Protein backbone atom coordinates (compact mmCIF):
# COMPACT_ATOMS: atom_id res chain seq x y z
CA MET A 1 90.63 -59.57 -134.10
CA ILE A 2 87.98 -56.96 -133.29
CA PHE A 3 85.26 -59.32 -134.49
CA ARG A 4 86.54 -62.05 -132.17
CA HIS A 5 86.28 -59.72 -129.17
CA ARG A 6 82.82 -58.51 -130.20
CA ALA A 7 81.64 -62.07 -130.73
CA ALA A 8 82.99 -63.12 -127.34
CA LEU A 9 81.41 -60.07 -125.70
CA ALA A 10 78.08 -60.84 -127.38
CA VAL A 11 78.17 -64.43 -126.12
CA VAL A 12 78.97 -63.31 -122.57
CA MET A 13 76.15 -60.74 -122.62
CA VAL A 14 73.60 -63.26 -123.92
CA LEU A 15 74.60 -65.78 -121.26
CA ALA A 16 74.49 -63.14 -118.52
CA LEU A 17 71.07 -61.88 -119.54
CA GLY A 18 69.76 -65.40 -119.94
CA GLY A 19 70.96 -66.31 -116.46
CA CYS A 20 69.25 -63.28 -114.97
CA SER A 21 65.86 -64.37 -116.19
CA LEU A 22 65.94 -67.92 -114.83
CA GLU A 23 63.10 -68.51 -112.39
CA THR A 24 61.78 -71.56 -110.65
CA GLY A 25 58.14 -72.44 -110.41
CA GLU A 26 58.11 -71.29 -106.80
CA ARG A 27 59.55 -67.83 -107.27
CA GLY A 28 58.54 -64.96 -109.47
CA GLY A 29 60.45 -61.82 -110.21
CA ASN A 30 60.09 -60.46 -106.68
CA GLY A 31 59.85 -63.57 -104.50
CA PHE A 32 57.35 -66.39 -104.01
CA GLU A 33 54.15 -66.16 -106.00
CA PRO A 34 50.91 -65.47 -104.07
CA ARG A 35 49.04 -68.59 -103.00
CA PRO A 36 45.39 -67.80 -102.27
CA GLY A 37 43.34 -69.94 -99.93
CA THR A 38 44.39 -71.89 -96.89
CA VAL A 39 47.61 -73.88 -96.65
CA GLU A 40 46.99 -77.38 -97.98
CA GLU A 41 50.56 -78.41 -98.80
CA LEU A 42 52.87 -78.03 -95.82
CA GLU A 43 56.18 -78.78 -97.56
CA PRO A 44 56.13 -75.64 -99.78
CA PHE A 45 54.87 -73.63 -96.81
CA HIS A 46 57.80 -74.74 -94.63
CA ALA A 47 60.20 -74.01 -97.50
CA PHE A 48 58.79 -70.48 -97.59
CA ILE A 49 59.16 -70.07 -93.81
CA ASP A 50 62.77 -71.27 -94.10
CA THR A 51 63.49 -68.12 -96.16
CA ARG A 52 62.74 -66.05 -93.01
CA PRO A 53 60.07 -63.85 -94.59
CA THR A 54 58.93 -60.55 -93.12
CA PRO A 55 55.28 -60.32 -92.02
CA GLU A 56 54.60 -58.22 -95.14
CA GLU A 57 56.09 -60.92 -97.39
CA PHE A 58 54.02 -63.57 -95.61
CA ARG A 59 50.82 -61.58 -96.13
CA ARG A 60 51.64 -61.05 -99.81
CA VAL A 61 52.31 -64.75 -100.47
CA TYR A 62 49.53 -66.13 -98.24
CA PRO A 63 46.85 -63.39 -98.37
CA ASP A 64 44.06 -65.64 -97.05
CA VAL A 65 45.98 -66.97 -94.03
CA THR A 66 45.60 -64.88 -90.88
CA LEU A 67 49.05 -64.08 -89.53
CA VAL A 68 49.14 -63.71 -85.75
CA LEU A 69 52.30 -62.05 -84.47
CA PRO A 70 53.60 -62.09 -80.89
CA GLY A 71 51.53 -59.63 -78.89
CA ASP A 72 48.53 -59.77 -81.23
CA ILE A 73 45.17 -60.58 -79.68
CA ALA A 74 43.44 -63.58 -81.24
CA THR A 75 40.36 -65.61 -80.47
CA HIS A 76 40.63 -69.24 -79.40
CA GLU A 77 38.25 -70.98 -81.78
CA TYR A 78 39.40 -74.34 -83.06
CA ARG A 79 40.51 -74.33 -86.71
CA THR A 80 41.58 -77.37 -88.70
CA ASP A 81 42.01 -75.72 -92.11
CA ASN A 82 45.45 -74.09 -91.65
CA SER A 83 43.94 -70.64 -92.03
CA ARG A 84 45.62 -69.00 -89.03
CA PHE A 85 49.38 -69.06 -88.41
CA PHE A 86 50.90 -68.00 -85.08
CA ALA A 87 54.40 -66.83 -85.98
CA GLU A 88 57.62 -66.74 -83.99
CA LEU A 89 59.93 -63.86 -84.92
CA ASP A 90 63.68 -63.39 -84.67
CA ASP A 91 65.35 -60.20 -83.43
CA GLU A 92 65.04 -58.66 -86.91
CA GLY A 93 61.27 -59.19 -86.97
CA ARG A 94 61.42 -62.02 -89.51
CA ILE A 95 59.30 -65.15 -89.24
CA VAL A 96 61.45 -68.13 -88.25
CA ASP A 97 58.87 -70.62 -86.99
CA GLY A 98 55.34 -70.92 -85.75
CA GLU A 99 52.30 -73.14 -85.81
CA PHE A 100 48.78 -73.35 -87.14
CA ARG A 101 46.06 -73.18 -84.49
């Protein structure tokens, strides 16, 4: 009887630990993986924005994209390479929308 309980406990622990380590290709242990360079694929970018990231999270995941927050001063040169994102924030300071300019 004790062995049955230990065996069941062992199975539950293995399943629990195995489930904790599941990751998708998009996320690492602490969120989305960094993506250097400019934004070339918009679908994964919009999926990231849908998670309502903080400005710090945005800068960690997209280190080469200039993040312009409300109130920041930015030049008006014309960019076509998705290297500068003008963010819209919610009341908690999280990015909820924006556009490349």
